[in-house]
Amino acid sequence: MPQDVPMKPRISPYAQMVLATLLFACMGVCVKLASAYFGTAAVVSARGLVGAIMMAAIAWGSGASLQTKVPMLHLKRGFAGVFALSLWFYCIGALPLATAVTLNYMSSVWMAAYLLIRSGLLGGAKVDPRLIIAILVGFLGVGLVLHPTLARDQIAAGLVGIFSGILAAMAYVQVTALGRAGETEVRVVFYFSLTGTVLGALIWLIPGQANHTALPGIPLGAWAALIGVGVFATIAQLLMTRAYAQGRMLVNASLQYLGIVHASVFGMLVFGEKLSLDGVIGMALIISAGIVSTRLKPSDKPA
């Protein structure tokens, strides 16, 4: 069946969103496990390569076309998304899993701040004071989340995580533009994965980006985790895209923050991580700010 033909969902879009957040958390576990042996370049390349192969197979099986009329939009989305992904993967390897995931989920707050500046301060539109409060609460949450990590000299990784969230918000703008241009989810995910494969390979050329362990010394479990990064991420991305297409945006945006809960549980069970009270409060503030920002943010339609 062609990809452009709408299909009746077999399961609830909200169940798809919950499953997507769980699979993204599984991806985070795989990233952390693989990062012990592989450099960030290898993890990014593997995520892109596995994703591109899976999407090409889906396109071939469904008869969907991968030809695009807006290659530059895909390139812009790819650059912003891949750099955000690279920084996030580095952050996952250097910080507790829940902390890294929480900082990346600040993208909703950054997106609201961007739209606030564009439509409010620059366009003269009325600004909802609750949105400003939500953004400030989100920043306060970041401070609390980073507070326990500062004592462990991980401030650099924390800043990297914050910047990954900013780039993720920029990538969201491009995804919105691609949707308005009529690009299907298969093409969007395929070209993003293809860009990740190429840019990830180029990152290998940067000094210090080699694998942490020589290839003969890398265990099979680490290779499995490396492949798992791509498999979990691609399936989760498809589920999340379909959930937004089939369900209510505000409900899905709220459910998306379950990813932080999943990451916290996995971090404690798999890696023995412990959350401080400051960290828990900070995560709660970021989740609340993200949900409120999604509900109150100004229109993202072009001026």
Protein backbone atom coordinates (compact mmCIF):
# COMPACT_ATOMS: atom_id res chain seq x y z
CA MET A 1 0.00 0.00 0.00
CA PRO A 2 1.47 3.42 -0.91
CA GLN A 3 2.79 5.38 2.02
CA ASP A 4 0.63 8.43 1.24
CA VAL A 5 -2.64 6.49 1.64
CA PRO A 6 -3.95 7.02 5.20
CA MET A 7 -4.33 3.89 7.26
CA LYS A 8 -6.67 3.29 10.14
CA PRO A 9 -4.53 2.88 13.27
CA ARG A 10 -4.51 -0.64 14.67
CA ILE A 11 -3.63 0.60 18.12
CA SER A 12 -4.38 3.85 19.90
CA PRO A 13 -2.10 6.74 18.90
CA TYR A 14 -1.49 7.36 22.58
CA ALA A 15 -0.39 3.75 23.07
CA GLN A 16 1.97 4.32 20.14
CA MET A 17 3.37 7.41 21.86
CA VAL A 18 3.92 5.57 25.15
CA LEU A 19 5.67 2.75 23.28
CA ALA A 20 7.78 5.29 21.39
CA THR A 21 8.97 6.90 24.65
CA LEU A 22 9.87 3.45 25.99
CA LEU A 23 11.84 2.59 22.84
CA PHE A 24 13.66 5.94 22.92
CA ALA A 25 14.67 5.14 26.50
CA CYS A 26 15.90 1.73 25.28
CA MET A 27 17.90 3.59 22.64
CA GLY A 28 19.46 5.67 25.41
CA VAL A 29 20.48 2.51 27.26
CA CYS A 30 22.08 1.16 24.08
CA VAL A 31 23.89 4.46 23.49
CA LYS A 32 25.32 4.39 27.01
CA LEU A 33 26.40 0.74 26.68
CA ALA A 34 27.94 1.27 23.22
CA SER A 35 29.67 4.50 24.26
CA ALA A 36 31.87 2.55 26.66
CA TYR A 37 33.64 1.05 23.62
CA PHE A 38 32.74 3.19 20.59
CA GLY A 39 33.26 6.89 19.97
CA THR A 40 30.37 9.26 19.31
CA ALA A 41 31.08 9.17 15.56
CA ALA A 42 30.56 5.41 15.41
CA VAL A 43 27.32 5.57 17.39
CA VAL A 44 25.91 8.36 15.21
CA SER A 45 26.94 6.57 12.00
CA ALA A 46 25.40 3.29 13.14
CA ARG A 47 22.16 4.99 14.14
CA GLY A 48 21.96 6.62 10.71
CA LEU A 49 22.96 3.56 8.68
CA VAL A 50 20.55 1.19 10.40
CA GLY A 51 17.77 3.77 10.12
CA ALA A 52 18.42 4.42 6.42
CA ILE A 53 18.37 0.70 5.64
CA MET A 54 15.14 0.16 7.58
CA MET A 55 13.40 3.12 5.94
CA ALA A 56 14.56 2.10 2.46
CA ALA A 57 13.15 -1.38 3.09
CA ILE A 58 9.83 0.08 4.27
CA ALA A 59 9.68 2.36 1.21
CA TRP A 60 10.42 -0.54 -1.12
CA GLY A 61 7.85 -2.80 0.54
CA SER A 62 5.10 -0.14 0.56
CA GLY A 63 5.82 1.25 -2.87
CA ALA A 64 6.54 4.70 -1.46
CA SER A 65 8.86 7.01 -3.34
CA LEU A 66 12.00 8.39 -1.74
CA GLN A 67 12.39 11.09 -4.38
CA THR A 68 12.07 14.56 -2.91
CA LYS A 69 11.45 18.01 -4.35
CA VAL A 70 12.86 19.82 -1.32
CA PRO A 71 16.40 18.47 -0.83
CA MET A 72 17.63 21.65 0.85
CA LEU A 73 14.96 21.40 3.55
CA HIS A 74 16.06 17.85 4.26
CA LEU A 75 19.69 19.01 4.37
CA LYS A 76 18.91 21.78 6.87
CA ARG A 77 16.89 19.40 9.04
CA GLY A 78 19.64 16.81 8.75
CA PHE A 79 22.44 19.14 9.84
CA ALA A 80 20.53 20.50 12.84
CA GLY A 81 19.18 17.08 13.84
CA VAL A 82 22.43 15.17 13.44
CA PHE A 83 24.48 17.70 15.37
CA ALA A 84 21.85 17.69 18.11
CA LEU A 85 21.95 13.89 18.10
CA SER A 86 25.75 13.81 18.24
CA LEU A 87 25.87 16.14 21.22
CA TRP A 88 23.09 14.22 22.93
CA PHE A 89 24.82 10.88 22.45
CA TYR A 90 28.00 12.35 23.92
CA CYS A 91 25.95 13.66 26.83
CA ILE A 92 24.36 10.24 27.43
CA GLY A 93 27.79 8.64 27.59
CA ALA A 94 29.11 11.24 30.06
CA LEU A 95 26.11 11.90 32.33
CA PRO A 96 23.51 9.81 34.18
CA LEU A 97 20.93 8.62 31.65
CA ALA A 98 18.00 10.46 33.24
CA THR A 99 19.97 13.73 33.38
CA ALA A 100 20.99 13.52 29.72
CA VAL A 101 17.45 12.72 28.56
CA THR A 102 15.96 15.53 30.67
CA LEU A 103 18.34 18.15 29.25
CA ASN A 104 17.48 17.10 25.70
CA TYR A 105 13.76 17.31 26.46
CA MET A 106 14.28 21.02 27.16
CA SER A 107 13.83 21.39 23.39
CA SER A 108 10.11 22.11 23.91
CA VAL A 109 10.95 25.00 26.22
CA TRP A 110 13.59 26.32 23.81
CA MET A 111 11.07 26.05 20.98
CA ALA A 112 8.53 28.07 22.98
CA ALA A 113 11.18 30.70 23.74
CA TYR A 114 12.05 30.97 20.04
CA LEU A 115 8.41 31.35 19.00
CA LEU A 116 7.83 33.82 21.83
CA ILE A 117 10.63 36.06 20.57
CA ARG A 118 9.51 35.78 16.94
CA SER A 119 5.77 36.27 17.33
CA GLY A 120 5.75 38.32 20.51
CA LEU A 121 8.74 40.60 20.89
CA LEU A 122 9.38 40.98 17.17
CA GLY A 123 5.88 40.71 15.76
CA GLY A 124 4.07 42.77 18.35
CA ALA A 125 1.62 40.00 19.23
CA LYS A 126 0.24 39.75 22.75
CA VAL A 127 2.42 37.57 24.97
CA ASP A 128 0.80 35.20 27.45
CA PRO A 129 2.57 35.82 30.78
CA ARG A 130 2.03 32.18 31.73
CA LEU A 131 4.30 31.19 28.85
CA ILE A 132 7.10 33.41 30.14
CA ILE A 133 6.70 31.88 33.61
CA ALA A 134 6.80 28.36 32.10
CA ILE A 135 10.04 29.13 30.26
CA LEU A 136 11.64 30.54 33.41
CA VAL A 137 10.49 27.47 35.38
CA GLY A 138 12.12 25.27 32.74
CA PHE A 139 15.43 27.12 33.16
CA LEU A 140 15.15 26.75 36.93
CA GLY A 141 14.63 23.02 36.40
CA VAL A 142 17.83 22.82 34.36
CA GLY A 143 19.73 24.48 37.19
CA LEU A 144 18.43 21.93 39.67
CA VAL A 145 19.14 18.99 37.36
CA LEU A 146 22.71 20.18 36.81
CA HIS A 147 23.31 21.06 40.44
CA PRO A 148 24.27 17.54 41.58
CA THR A 149 26.46 17.03 38.51
CA LEU A 150 28.52 20.17 39.11
CA ALA A 151 30.19 18.53 42.11
CA ARG A 152 31.36 15.71 39.81
CA ASP A 153 33.04 18.10 37.36
CA GLN A 154 30.57 17.30 34.60
CA ILE A 155 29.59 20.87 33.82
CA ALA A 156 30.95 20.62 30.26
CA ALA A 157 28.80 17.58 29.48
CA GLY A 158 25.80 19.34 31.03
CA LEU A 159 26.29 22.37 28.79
CA VAL A 160 26.60 20.05 25.80
CA GLY A 161 23.26 18.51 26.78
CA ILE A 162 21.62 21.94 26.97
CA PHE A 163 22.98 22.88 23.54
CA SER A 164 21.70 19.60 22.11
CA GLY A 165 18.22 20.63 23.22
CA ILE A 166 18.59 23.99 21.45
CA LEU A 167 19.62 22.27 18.21
CA ALA A 168 16.79 19.77 18.59
CA ALA A 169 14.36 22.70 18.71
CA MET A 170 15.88 24.04 15.48
CA ALA A 171 15.46 20.61 13.89
CA TYR A 172 11.79 20.64 14.94
CA VAL A 173 11.29 23.86 12.96
CA GLN A 174 12.65 22.11 9.86
CA VAL A 175 10.47 19.03 10.42
CA THR A 176 7.43 21.31 10.55
CA ALA A 177 8.51 22.91 7.26
CA LEU A 178 8.95 19.48 5.68
CA GLY A 179 5.45 18.46 6.76
CA ARG A 180 4.01 21.60 5.18
CA ALA A 181 5.93 20.79 1.99
CA GLY A 182 4.08 17.46 1.80
CA GLU A 183 6.99 15.18 2.69
CA THR A 184 5.96 11.78 4.08
CA GLU A 185 7.33 10.39 7.32
CA VAL A 186 9.28 7.75 5.38
CA ARG A 187 11.18 10.35 3.37
CA VAL A 188 11.76 12.59 6.39
CA VAL A 189 13.21 9.75 8.49
CA PHE A 190 15.15 8.28 5.54
CA TYR A 191 16.98 11.49 4.63
CA PHE A 192 17.64 12.29 8.27
CA SER A 193 19.16 8.84 8.71
CA LEU A 194 21.17 9.20 5.49
CA THR A 195 22.54 12.56 6.64
CA GLY A 196 23.44 11.00 9.98
CA THR A 197 25.35 8.21 8.26
CA VAL A 198 27.43 10.65 6.20
CA LEU A 199 28.04 13.26 8.92
CA GLY A 200 28.77 10.56 11.47
CA ALA A 201 31.42 9.16 9.15
CA LEU A 202 32.93 12.63 8.72
CA ILE A 203 33.12 13.09 12.49
CA TRP A 204 35.60 10.21 12.49
CA LEU A 205 38.06 12.59 10.77
CA ILE A 206 38.09 14.89 13.81
CA PRO A 207 41.05 14.15 16.13
CA GLY A 208 40.02 12.34 19.29
CA GLN A 209 36.85 10.86 17.81
CA ALA A 210 38.20 7.35 17.34
CA ASN A 211 36.70 4.38 19.19
CA HIS A 212 37.67 4.00 22.83
CA THR A 213 38.58 0.35 22.25
CA ALA A 214 40.32 -1.34 19.31
CA LEU A 215 37.87 -3.32 17.16
CA PRO A 216 39.24 -6.78 18.13
CA GLY A 217 38.69 -5.96 21.81
CA ILE A 218 35.06 -4.88 21.48
CA PRO A 219 32.69 -7.57 22.84
CA LEU A 220 29.65 -8.84 20.94
CA GLY A 221 27.33 -7.21 23.46
CA ALA A 222 28.69 -3.77 22.54
CA TRP A 223 28.13 -4.47 18.84
CA ALA A 224 24.56 -5.54 19.61
CA ALA A 225 24.04 -2.31 21.57
CA LEU A 226 25.41 -0.31 18.63
CA ILE A 227 22.90 -1.89 16.25
CA GLY A 228 20.18 -1.50 18.87
CA VAL A 229 20.69 2.27 18.84
CA GLY A 230 19.55 2.41 15.22
CA VAL A 231 16.74 -0.14 15.53
CA PHE A 232 15.15 1.34 18.65
CA ALA A 233 15.54 4.94 17.43
CA THR A 234 14.02 4.29 14.00
CA ILE A 235 11.00 2.35 15.25
CA ALA A 236 10.41 4.91 18.01
CA GLN A 237 10.64 7.79 15.54
CA LEU A 238 8.06 6.18 13.25
CA LEU A 239 5.69 5.45 16.15
CA MET A 240 5.99 9.00 17.45
CA THR A 241 5.39 10.50 14.00
CA ARG A 242 2.27 8.38 13.50
CA ALA A 243 1.03 9.15 17.00
CA TYR A 244 1.16 12.87 16.27
CA ALA A 245 -0.56 12.32 12.92
CA GLN A 246 -3.41 10.24 14.38
CA GLY A 247 -3.92 11.68 17.86
CA ARG A 248 -4.30 15.00 19.63
CA MET A 249 -1.09 16.99 19.69
CA LEU A 250 -1.38 18.21 23.30
CA VAL A 251 -2.04 14.73 24.66
CA ASN A 252 0.90 13.29 22.73
CA ALA A 253 3.19 16.14 23.77
CA SER A 254 2.35 15.45 27.40
CA LEU A 255 2.83 11.69 27.05
CA GLN A 256 6.20 12.26 25.40
CA TYR A 257 7.67 13.27 28.75
CA LEU A 258 7.22 9.70 29.97
CA GLY A 259 10.59 9.21 28.30
CA ILE A 260 12.22 10.90 31.29
CA VAL A 261 10.49 8.48 33.66
CA HIS A 262 11.57 5.48 31.56
CA ALA A 263 15.15 6.77 31.43
CA SER A 264 15.18 7.27 35.21
CA VAL A 265 14.02 3.68 35.81
CA PHE A 266 16.50 2.21 33.30
CA GLY A 267 19.30 4.32 34.76
CA MET A 268 18.66 2.91 38.23
CA LEU A 269 18.10 -0.70 37.13
CA VAL A 270 20.81 -1.04 34.47
CA PHE A 271 23.51 1.40 35.59
CA GLY A 272 22.84 1.73 39.32
CA GLU A 273 22.30 5.49 39.05
CA LYS A 274 20.72 7.41 41.90
CA LEU A 275 18.66 10.57 41.63
CA SER A 276 19.12 13.38 44.13
CA LEU A 277 16.16 15.32 45.46
CA ASP A 278 17.34 18.36 43.48
CA GLY A 279 17.43 16.27 40.32
CA VAL A 280 13.93 14.88 40.83
CA ILE A 281 12.50 18.36 41.49
CA GLY A 282 14.34 19.74 38.46
CA MET A 283 12.97 17.00 36.20
CA ALA A 284 9.45 17.67 37.47
CA LEU A 285 9.85 21.39 36.73
CA ILE A 286 11.16 20.72 33.20
CA ILE A 287 8.32 18.28 32.47
CA SER A 288 5.76 20.79 33.75
CA ALA A 289 7.34 23.66 31.82
CA GLY A 290 7.47 21.58 28.64
CA ILE A 291 3.80 20.61 28.85
CA VAL A 292 2.69 24.17 29.61
CA SER A 293 4.92 25.55 26.83
CA THR A 294 3.37 23.14 24.34
CA ARG A 295 -0.13 24.25 25.33
CA LEU A 296 0.57 27.99 25.39
CA LYS A 297 3.30 28.57 22.82
CA PRO A 298 2.55 31.06 20.04
CA SER A 299 1.66 29.85 16.58
CA ASP A 300 4.56 28.39 14.58
CA LYS A 301 2.99 29.37 11.27
CA PRO A 302 5.20 31.50 9.10
CA ALA A 303 4.65 35.21 9.44
